[in-house]
Protein backbone atom coordinates (compact mmCIF):
# COMPACT_ATOMS: atom_id res chain seq x y z
CA MET A 1 -57.67 277.19 143.88
CA ASP A 2 -54.22 277.01 142.68
CA LYS A 3 -52.41 274.11 140.58
CA ALA A 4 -50.12 273.61 143.55
CA GLY A 5 -52.85 273.40 146.14
CA ASP A 6 -55.06 271.37 144.05
CA SER A 7 -52.08 268.96 143.49
CA CYS A 8 -51.57 268.83 147.25
CA MET A 9 -55.21 268.07 147.90
CA ASN A 10 -55.50 265.39 145.32
CA SER A 11 -52.00 263.99 147.04
CA LYS A 12 -53.98 263.64 150.18
CA SER A 13 -57.06 262.54 148.74
CA ARG A 14 -55.14 259.73 146.89
CA MET A 15 -53.74 258.37 150.07
CA ILE A 16 -57.14 258.50 151.70
CA VAL A 17 -58.87 256.53 148.76
CA GLN A 18 -56.04 254.01 148.94
CA TYR A 19 -56.40 253.02 152.29
CA THR A 20 -60.32 252.73 151.60
CA ILE A 21 -59.81 250.48 148.86
CA CYS A 22 -57.33 248.30 150.93
CA LEU A 23 -59.84 247.90 154.01
CA GLY A 24 -61.65 245.49 151.64
CA ALA A 25 -58.52 243.25 151.32
CA PHE A 26 -58.06 243.24 154.88
CA LEU A 27 -61.48 242.47 155.50
CA SER A 28 -61.44 239.39 153.48
CA ASN A 29 -58.56 237.99 154.66
CA LEU A 30 -59.47 238.84 158.28
CA SER A 31 -63.10 237.26 158.00
CA ALA A 32 -61.02 234.04 156.39
CA GLY A 33 -58.96 233.63 159.57
CA MET A 34 -61.40 234.13 162.06
CA PHE A 35 -64.21 231.51 160.77
CA ASN A 36 -61.44 228.79 160.51
CA ILE A 37 -61.03 228.83 163.79
CA ALA A 38 -64.78 229.22 164.86
CA LEU A 39 -65.95 226.18 163.16
CA VAL A 40 -66.05 223.95 166.54
CA ASP A 41 -68.38 226.62 168.22
CA ILE A 42 -70.60 227.04 165.43
CA ALA A 43 -70.90 223.28 165.05
CA ARG A 44 -71.78 222.93 168.60
CA THR A 45 -74.09 226.05 168.93
CA PHE A 46 -76.21 224.37 166.24
CA ASP A 47 -75.71 220.86 167.29
CA SER A 48 -74.16 219.56 163.65
CA GLY A 49 -70.96 218.29 162.65
CA ILE A 50 -67.71 219.90 161.46
CA PRO A 51 -68.22 219.16 157.83
CA ALA A 52 -71.61 220.53 157.72
CA ALA A 53 -70.15 223.59 159.63
CA GLN A 54 -67.09 223.87 157.01
CA TRP A 55 -70.18 224.65 154.35
CA ILE A 56 -70.19 228.36 155.89
CA VAL A 57 -66.16 228.68 154.28
CA THR A 58 -66.55 226.66 151.42
CA ALA A 59 -70.00 228.47 150.35
CA TYR A 60 -68.46 232.02 150.93
CA LEU A 61 -65.30 230.81 148.90
CA LEU A 62 -67.30 229.39 146.07
CA VAL A 63 -69.68 232.67 145.80
CA ILE A 64 -66.72 234.89 145.92
CA SER A 65 -64.75 232.62 142.83
CA ILE A 66 -67.91 232.46 140.58
CA LEU A 67 -68.82 235.94 140.64
CA LEU A 68 -65.55 237.92 140.61
CA PRO A 69 -65.23 238.23 136.94
CA VAL A 70 -68.93 238.99 136.87
CA MET A 71 -68.30 241.79 139.11
CA GLY A 72 -65.13 243.16 137.03
CA LYS A 73 -67.32 243.26 134.19
CA LEU A 74 -70.52 245.04 135.77
CA GLY A 75 -67.84 247.36 137.19
CA ASP A 76 -66.47 248.20 133.63
CA MET A 77 -70.05 248.74 132.52
CA VAL A 78 -71.79 250.57 135.31
CA GLY A 79 -68.80 251.87 137.16
CA ARG A 80 -66.17 250.72 139.11
CA ARG A 81 -66.74 253.11 142.46
CA ARG A 82 -70.88 251.88 142.36
CA ILE A 83 -69.75 248.04 142.27
CA HIS A 84 -67.04 248.53 144.92
CA ASN A 85 -69.18 250.30 147.36
CA ILE A 86 -72.38 248.33 147.22
CA GLY A 87 -69.97 245.51 147.76
CA TYR A 88 -68.83 247.09 151.15
CA PHE A 89 -72.87 247.51 151.97
CA VAL A 90 -73.50 243.96 150.90
CA PHE A 91 -70.71 242.69 152.86
CA MET A 92 -71.87 244.60 155.87
CA ALA A 93 -75.32 243.28 155.59
CA GLY A 94 -74.21 239.56 155.14
CA ALA A 95 -72.17 239.91 158.51
CA LEU A 96 -75.20 241.33 160.21
CA CYS A 97 -77.48 238.76 159.20
CA CYS A 98 -74.74 236.29 160.32
CA ALA A 99 -74.41 237.77 163.69
CA LEU A 100 -78.05 237.20 164.04
CA SER A 101 -78.77 233.87 162.38
CA PRO A 102 -80.64 231.38 164.04
CA SER A 103 -79.75 228.45 162.14
CA LEU A 104 -76.68 226.76 160.44
CA ASN A 105 -78.45 227.13 157.17
CA GLY A 106 -79.48 230.84 157.84
CA LEU A 107 -75.83 231.56 158.70
CA ILE A 108 -74.74 229.75 155.59
CA SER A 109 -77.20 232.07 153.51
CA SER A 110 -76.05 234.85 154.96
CA ARG A 111 -72.32 233.81 154.38
CA ILE A 112 -73.55 233.69 150.72
CA LEU A 113 -75.02 237.10 150.92
CA GLN A 114 -71.18 238.34 152.31
CA GLY A 115 -69.66 236.48 149.63
CA ILE A 116 -71.57 238.50 146.82
CA GLY A 117 -70.52 241.66 148.76
CA ALA A 118 -66.84 240.49 148.73
CA ALA A 119 -66.67 239.55 145.18
CA MET A 120 -67.69 243.19 144.44
CA TYR A 121 -65.02 245.12 145.92
CA GLN A 122 -62.60 242.55 145.30
CA ALA A 123 -63.42 242.57 141.46
CA THR A 124 -62.66 246.44 141.43
CA ASN A 125 -60.16 247.29 143.73
CA MET A 126 -57.29 247.19 141.76
CA ALA A 127 -58.95 249.01 138.85
CA LEU A 128 -59.94 251.71 141.46
CA ILE A 129 -56.30 251.90 142.27
CA ILE A 130 -55.22 252.09 138.86
CA SER A 131 -57.64 254.74 137.77
CA VAL A 132 -56.68 256.81 140.84
CA PHE A 133 -52.92 256.81 140.76
CA PRO A 134 -50.74 257.72 138.14
CA LYS A 135 -48.58 255.35 136.11
CA GLU A 136 -45.30 256.03 138.06
CA GLN A 137 -46.89 255.48 141.51
CA ARG A 138 -48.99 252.26 140.63
CA GLY A 139 -46.53 249.76 142.16
CA LYS A 140 -46.41 251.34 145.32
CA ALA A 141 -50.21 251.73 145.85
CA LEU A 142 -50.77 248.18 144.41
CA GLY A 143 -48.23 246.88 146.93
CA LEU A 144 -50.11 248.17 149.79
CA ILE A 145 -52.98 245.72 149.00
CA SER A 146 -50.66 242.98 149.67
CA THR A 147 -49.72 244.74 152.73
CA PHE A 148 -53.05 244.76 153.87
CA VAL A 149 -54.16 241.23 152.59
CA ALA A 150 -51.24 239.88 155.04
CA ALA A 151 -52.26 241.97 157.89
CA GLY A 152 -55.88 240.23 157.84
CA SER A 153 -54.23 236.86 157.36
CA MET A 154 -52.04 237.74 160.36
CA ILE A 155 -54.55 239.19 162.79
CA GLY A 156 -57.63 237.18 161.78
CA PRO A 157 -56.95 233.89 163.72
CA SER A 158 -55.40 235.46 166.96
CA LEU A 159 -58.31 237.69 167.25
CA GLY A 160 -61.05 235.31 166.32
CA GLY A 161 -59.83 233.25 169.22
CA ILE A 162 -59.87 236.24 171.59
CA LEU A 163 -63.35 237.15 170.73
CA ILE A 164 -64.75 233.27 170.70
CA GLN A 165 -62.71 233.05 174.44
CA TRP A 166 -64.23 236.27 175.64
CA PHE A 167 -67.56 236.57 173.96
CA SER A 168 -69.04 234.23 171.14
CA TRP A 169 -68.49 233.25 167.61
CA ARG A 170 -71.37 236.00 166.81
CA SER A 171 -69.09 238.54 168.32
CA ASN A 172 -66.92 238.18 165.20
CA PHE A 173 -69.71 238.78 162.74
CA TRP A 174 -70.34 241.97 164.94
CA LEU A 175 -66.77 243.20 164.54
CA LEU A 176 -66.83 242.74 160.69
CA THR A 177 -70.16 244.55 160.63
CA ALA A 178 -68.93 247.48 162.46
CA ILE A 179 -65.47 247.56 160.30
CA SER A 180 -67.61 247.21 156.88
CA LEU A 181 -69.75 249.82 157.92
CA ILE A 182 -66.80 252.18 158.73
CA ALA A 183 -65.11 251.31 155.09
CA TRP A 184 -68.86 251.86 153.61
CA VAL A 185 -69.07 255.60 155.01
CA PHE A 186 -65.38 256.30 154.01
CA ALA A 187 -65.79 254.64 150.42
CA GLN A 188 -68.92 257.04 149.78
CA ARG A 189 -67.11 259.82 150.96
CA PHE A 190 -63.85 259.79 149.65
CA ILE A 191 -63.86 257.59 146.59
CA PRO A 192 -64.05 259.80 143.35
CA LYS A 193 -67.02 259.38 140.98
CA ASP A 194 -66.30 257.51 137.90
CA GLU A 195 -68.28 256.97 134.65
CA PRO A 196 -68.62 253.76 132.88
CA ASP A 197 -65.79 253.57 130.11
CA GLN A 198 -67.19 254.29 126.49
CA GLY A 199 -66.94 251.17 124.15
CA VAL A 200 -67.63 248.54 126.91
CA SER A 201 -70.05 245.82 125.72
CA ARG A 202 -73.28 244.62 127.34
CA LEU A 203 -73.10 241.60 129.74
CA ASP A 204 -72.91 238.31 128.11
CA VAL A 205 -75.03 236.25 130.41
CA PRO A 206 -74.70 233.05 128.57
CA GLY A 207 -70.85 233.40 128.67
CA ALA A 208 -70.98 234.17 131.95
CA ALA A 209 -73.41 231.29 132.65
CA PHE A 210 -70.70 228.82 131.35
CA PHE A 211 -67.97 230.10 133.06
CA ALA A 212 -69.62 229.92 136.21
CA ILE A 213 -70.60 226.35 135.64
CA SER A 214 -67.04 225.45 134.79
CA LEU A 215 -65.59 227.29 137.85
CA THR A 216 -68.41 225.71 140.10
CA GLY A 217 -67.38 222.39 139.11
CA LEU A 218 -63.18 223.00 139.68
CA VAL A 219 -63.78 225.10 143.06
CA THR A 220 -66.20 222.58 144.44
CA ALA A 221 -64.10 219.33 143.33
CA VAL A 222 -60.95 221.42 144.92
CA ASN A 223 -62.49 222.41 147.99
CA LEU A 224 -64.48 219.17 148.78
CA GLY A 225 -62.19 216.41 147.40
CA ALA A 226 -60.62 215.65 150.54
CA GLN A 227 -63.82 215.15 152.26
CA TRP A 228 -65.48 213.35 149.60
CA GLY A 229 -62.66 211.30 148.43
CA TRP A 230 -60.68 212.25 145.21
CA GLY A 231 -61.66 209.34 143.54
CA SER A 232 -65.19 209.69 144.29
CA TRP A 233 -68.33 209.77 142.10
CA GLU A 234 -69.29 213.26 143.21
CA VAL A 235 -65.25 214.65 143.03
CA THR A 236 -65.42 213.00 139.28
CA VAL A 237 -68.58 214.62 138.38
CA MET A 238 -67.63 217.97 139.47
CA PHE A 239 -64.14 217.77 137.27
CA MET A 240 -66.56 216.54 134.32
CA MET A 241 -68.70 219.58 134.94
CA PHE A 242 -65.52 221.76 134.89
CA GLY A 243 -64.31 220.28 131.57
CA ALA A 244 -67.66 220.67 129.94
CA GLY A 245 -68.44 224.11 131.24
CA ALA A 246 -64.84 225.16 130.01
CA ALA A 247 -65.30 223.83 126.68
CA ALA A 248 -68.71 225.13 126.15
CA PHE A 249 -67.40 228.80 127.44
CA ILE A 250 -64.14 228.59 125.16
CA GLY A 251 -66.27 227.69 121.95
CA TRP A 252 -68.79 230.34 123.00
CA CYS A 253 -66.20 232.99 123.21
CA LEU A 254 -64.44 232.03 120.06
CA SER A 255 -67.68 231.94 117.86
CA SER A 256 -67.93 233.77 114.65
CA ARG A 257 -71.50 234.74 116.12
CA TRP A 258 -69.42 238.10 117.75
CA GLU A 259 -68.21 239.22 114.24
CA ARG A 260 -71.77 238.95 112.89
CA LYS A 261 -73.34 240.67 115.79
CA GLY A 262 -70.60 243.94 115.23
CA LYS A 263 -69.62 246.46 117.45
CA GLY A 264 -71.26 246.74 120.99
CA HIS A 265 -71.56 243.00 121.25
CA LEU A 266 -68.46 241.33 122.77
CA PRO A 267 -68.06 237.82 124.73
CA PHE A 268 -67.95 237.69 128.32
CA MET A 269 -64.36 237.56 128.23
CA LYS A 270 -62.04 238.81 125.35
CA LEU A 271 -59.64 235.59 124.89
CA ASP A 272 -57.23 237.79 123.23
CA LEU A 273 -56.46 239.25 126.51
CA PHE A 274 -54.32 236.30 127.16
CA ARG A 275 -52.49 236.58 123.84
CA ASP A 276 -50.32 239.47 125.61
CA ALA A 277 -47.10 237.63 127.20
CA GLY A 278 -47.42 240.08 130.31
CA VAL A 279 -50.97 239.17 131.18
CA SER A 280 -51.08 235.56 130.46
CA VAL A 281 -47.66 235.08 132.43
CA GLY A 282 -48.71 237.44 135.06
CA ILE A 283 -51.75 235.28 135.55
CA LEU A 284 -49.65 232.19 135.89
CA ILE A 285 -47.29 233.29 138.18
CA THR A 286 -49.99 234.56 140.28
CA ILE A 287 -51.74 231.18 140.58
CA ILE A 288 -48.53 229.41 141.30
CA THR A 289 -47.01 231.45 144.02
CA TYR A 290 -50.38 231.64 145.97
CA MET A 291 -50.27 228.05 145.50
CA ALA A 292 -46.77 227.49 146.87
CA ALA A 293 -47.22 229.91 149.54
CA PHE A 294 -50.57 228.52 150.98
CA SER A 295 -49.35 224.98 150.79
CA ALA A 296 -46.41 225.64 152.85
CA GLN A 297 -48.22 227.66 155.32
CA LEU A 298 -50.57 224.75 155.86
CA VAL A 299 -47.60 222.05 156.15
CA LEU A 300 -45.13 223.92 158.07
CA PRO A 301 -47.27 224.39 161.11
CA VAL A 302 -48.07 220.53 161.47
CA PHE A 303 -44.42 219.78 161.02
CA LEU A 304 -43.28 222.13 163.57
CA LEU A 305 -45.98 220.50 165.81
CA SER A 306 -45.78 216.80 164.88
CA GLU A 307 -41.94 216.68 164.01
CA LEU A 308 -40.19 219.16 166.40
CA GLY A 309 -42.52 219.00 169.35
CA ILE A 310 -43.36 222.49 169.78
CA GLU A 311 -46.06 224.34 171.40
CA PRO A 312 -48.84 225.43 169.35
CA ALA A 313 -48.48 229.25 170.75
CA THR A 314 -44.75 228.93 169.65
CA ALA A 315 -45.73 227.70 166.21
CA GLY A 316 -48.13 230.38 165.95
CA LEU A 317 -45.44 232.61 166.44
CA ILE A 318 -42.79 230.94 164.31
CA MET A 319 -45.20 231.35 161.29
CA MET A 320 -45.81 235.06 161.39
CA GLY A 321 -42.58 235.38 159.95
CA TYR A 322 -44.32 234.97 157.13
CA PRO A 323 -47.06 237.94 156.79
CA LEU A 324 -44.65 240.05 158.49
CA SER A 325 -41.95 239.86 155.88
CA LEU A 326 -44.79 240.33 153.33
CA ILE A 327 -45.84 243.51 155.19
CA ILE A 328 -42.46 244.76 154.86
CA PHE A 329 -41.52 243.82 151.59
CA SER A 330 -44.79 244.53 149.86
CA PRO A 331 -44.50 248.16 149.65
CA LEU A 332 -40.88 247.83 149.17
CA SER A 333 -41.24 246.20 146.21
CA GLY A 334 -43.95 248.26 144.74
CA SER A 335 -41.80 251.48 144.96
CA LEU A 336 -38.64 249.81 143.53
CA SER A 337 -40.86 248.37 140.57
CA ASP A 338 -41.99 251.93 140.01
CA LYS A 339 -38.36 253.04 139.62
CA LEU A 340 -36.65 249.90 137.93
CA GLY A 341 -39.68 248.03 136.00
CA THR A 342 -41.43 245.00 136.94
CA PHE A 343 -39.10 242.19 135.57
CA PRO A 344 -36.06 242.60 138.30
CA LEU A 345 -38.16 242.48 140.85
CA LEU A 346 -40.10 239.72 139.75
CA SER A 347 -37.06 237.64 138.75
CA ALA A 348 -35.49 238.52 142.08
CA GLY A 349 -38.88 237.23 143.99
CA LEU A 350 -39.03 234.13 142.07
CA LEU A 351 -35.39 233.04 142.98
CA VAL A 352 -35.71 233.78 146.26
CA MET A 353 -38.69 231.74 146.29
CA THR A 354 -37.35 229.05 144.41
CA ALA A 355 -34.14 228.98 146.85
CA ALA A 356 -36.40 228.78 150.03
CA LEU A 357 -38.49 226.21 148.53
CA ILE A 358 -35.36 223.71 147.57
CA VAL A 359 -33.80 223.85 151.11
CA LEU A 360 -37.25 223.16 152.47
CA GLY A 361 -37.30 219.94 150.15
CA PHE A 362 -34.89 218.37 152.31
CA VAL A 363 -36.83 219.75 155.75
CA SER A 364 -35.78 217.42 158.70
CA PRO A 365 -35.87 217.86 162.45
CA ALA A 366 -32.44 218.42 162.45
CA TYR A 367 -32.58 221.84 160.58
CA PRO A 368 -32.38 224.43 163.63
CA ILE A 369 -35.36 226.78 164.45
CA PHE A 370 -33.55 229.77 163.71
CA PHE A 371 -33.09 228.41 159.93
CA LEU A 372 -36.57 227.43 159.79
CA ILE A 373 -37.75 230.95 160.30
CA LEU A 374 -35.44 232.53 158.32
CA LEU A 375 -36.83 230.19 155.32
CA ILE A 376 -40.45 231.37 156.61
CA VAL A 377 -39.30 234.85 156.30
CA LEU A 378 -37.85 234.20 152.93
CA LEU A 379 -40.98 232.83 151.72
CA GLY A 380 -42.89 235.78 152.87
CA GLY A 381 -39.92 238.41 151.55
CA SER A 382 -40.84 236.65 147.98
CA MET A 383 -44.02 236.74 147.83
CA GLY A 384 -43.81 240.60 148.61
CA LEU A 385 -41.52 241.10 146.06
CA ILE A 386 -43.61 239.29 143.55
CA THR A 387 -46.70 240.22 143.90
CA PRO A 388 -46.90 244.21 143.46
CA PRO A 389 -44.69 244.51 140.25
CA ASN A 390 -46.71 241.12 139.22
CA ASN A 391 -50.04 242.91 139.59
CA SER A 392 -48.91 246.04 138.06
CA LEU A 393 -47.46 244.07 134.99
CA VAL A 394 -50.90 242.57 134.37
CA MET A 395 -52.93 245.89 134.92
CA GLY A 396 -50.30 248.00 132.95
CA ARG A 397 -50.75 245.58 129.90
CA THR A 398 -54.39 245.70 130.06
CA SER A 399 -56.75 248.43 128.25
CA LYS A 400 -58.86 251.10 130.13
CA THR A 401 -62.13 249.24 129.10
CA ASP A 402 -61.07 245.92 130.46
CA LEU A 403 -59.71 247.01 133.92
CA GLY A 404 -62.36 245.81 135.95
CA LEU A 405 -62.47 242.30 134.54
CA ILE A 406 -58.76 241.90 134.64
CA SER A 407 -58.50 243.04 138.13
CA SER A 408 -61.33 240.35 139.02
CA ILE A 409 -59.07 237.72 137.18
CA LEU A 410 -56.40 238.48 139.26
CA ALA A 411 -58.54 237.96 142.12
CA LEU A 412 -59.91 234.63 140.93
CA SER A 413 -56.21 233.65 140.22
CA ARG A 414 -55.35 234.39 144.04
CA ASN A 415 -58.36 232.32 145.29
CA LEU A 416 -57.54 229.45 142.86
CA GLY A 417 -53.81 229.18 143.90
CA MET A 418 -54.75 229.13 147.57
CA MET A 419 -57.62 226.64 146.72
CA PHE A 420 -54.93 224.42 145.00
CA GLY A 421 -52.31 224.98 147.73
CA THR A 422 -54.75 223.62 150.22
CA ALA A 423 -55.66 220.80 148.38
CA ALA A 424 -52.06 219.80 147.53
CA GLY A 425 -50.99 220.50 151.30
CA GLY A 426 -53.93 218.34 152.35
CA ALA A 427 -52.78 215.57 150.16
CA MET A 428 -49.30 215.49 150.85
CA LEU A 429 -50.29 215.37 155.03
CA ALA A 430 -52.03 212.53 154.29
CA LEU A 431 -49.09 211.03 152.58
CA GLN A 432 -46.92 212.39 155.50
CA ALA A 433 -49.10 210.07 158.16
CA THR A 434 -48.22 206.78 156.43
CA GLY A 435 -44.72 208.04 154.97
CA GLY A 436 -42.84 209.84 157.54
CA LEU A 437 -41.09 213.09 156.23
CA THR A 438 -41.84 211.93 152.56
CA GLY A 439 -45.25 214.07 152.47
CA PHE A 440 -43.82 217.44 153.84
CA ARG A 441 -41.03 217.29 151.31
CA MET A 442 -42.92 216.21 148.47
CA ILE A 443 -45.25 219.54 148.53
CA PHE A 444 -41.95 221.13 148.76
CA VAL A 445 -40.37 219.24 145.62
CA LEU A 446 -43.67 219.82 143.66
CA ASN A 447 -43.93 223.59 144.45
CA THR A 448 -40.22 224.02 143.37
CA ALA A 449 -40.77 222.36 140.09
CA LEU A 450 -43.84 224.48 139.40
CA VAL A 451 -41.83 227.68 140.41
CA VAL A 452 -39.00 227.00 138.24
CA ILE A 453 -41.14 226.43 135.03
CA VAL A 454 -43.07 229.71 135.71
CA TYR A 455 -39.90 231.34 136.11
CA VAL A 456 -38.52 229.83 132.88
CA THR A 457 -41.86 230.74 131.14
CA MET A 458 -41.42 234.07 132.27
CA LEU A 459 -37.63 234.48 130.57
CA ILE A 460 -38.88 233.22 127.39
CA SER A 461 -41.90 235.47 127.41
CA PHE A 462 -39.50 238.13 127.78
CA ARG A 463 -36.82 237.01 125.29
CA PHE A 464 -39.44 236.45 122.44
CA ALA A 465 -41.97 239.27 123.24
CA ARG A 466 -42.49 241.14 120.40
CA HIS A 467 -42.24 244.81 122.26
CA LYS A 468 -39.56 245.34 125.13
CA GLU A 469 -41.97 247.21 127.16
CA THR A 470 -43.84 243.85 128.13
CA PHE A 471 -42.33 243.67 131.21
CA SER A 472 -41.63 247.24 132.27
CA SER A 473 -44.97 247.94 133.61
């Protein structure tokens, strides 16, 4: 085959591969939206309380968060395609077991299996995109992941509600089984085979265990703090577990034993990765912006319902402005970042988000509806501007042997941001119940401060970075 034909074929193949990989991002967010709305019906089916049923969501998120870095490292070791595609299959098996589950404990166990699969393909999706697309097209390709994330988030609650009303909550799992089966078939057929990168060390099991212990404490405390009480002994123990695990992990990774062991022996996570300004600031931007976006998505519907008296269906339509705006701006931002570099798009996105949050910090029932819709659209658009160039920045500053690990850390950062946002939003809603509009306003003031801090940090890092290319993908 001539080179032109081969180039054309490769271009078409890359597009198929791109959509096949992005289908995983869609699956994860579709699943999350479906089962937040299904908890009441699931609890009724198994004659249990909502707190017990909540574990089908909590256990799923906990497993994903703990395993993301492990799966990213395994992808670097044995091949990212292998881990990614097995993840689709395991997710499918978990969804099938959920659909057939005879008990709540069986359903939670099956959701854990689903979480293992989701961690496998989430940890490797960006690294696979980076390996398939040339540098000048990476921003656009990574932007499509955000589009699929937004689409899954937008479709999940409404589709889940329709399926529950017409059939039952089990039909949600049957649908996920079918979609993940299609995704697995396409992944096996179209994602090109890759070989493990040379120079990748073996898995550091003790380091991975310390990391898992630390993350288990943090994620459990954040997820269940409102349910257990933030001052309860359970939450205190979880935070202590996080602190002890984190200290042990850092000490283990920085130990001189790795120098004595020599080549081929490296800690679970090379902390030197975070000495690069682009990587460390990019991770911080991910956590803070996702926290701001998700806390806003939690409190704004409550404001629309309780303060403005808007009907639930209308409030849902208004909130769809966020994912729709994200869907539009993500690929546009990715394409522009390929041409202009990451810094201009990141700067613009953070400034737009700051402006929207400042105005929302003075929110009151006197705000016209169209103005609130505009602010919601601006929030979604700002996330669309930020996410693709930020992902491109972090991935572009990472060596080939660590792409899987850093891809998984980015996914973990998104999850942590969402969890922190949910926890902060929930705490402010509790304050709102006794303090009028104070709770609503405080969450936006908090998020404004954090986004400004991360923006200033980015500017300082850019100015004092040793190499000008730090923020140019």
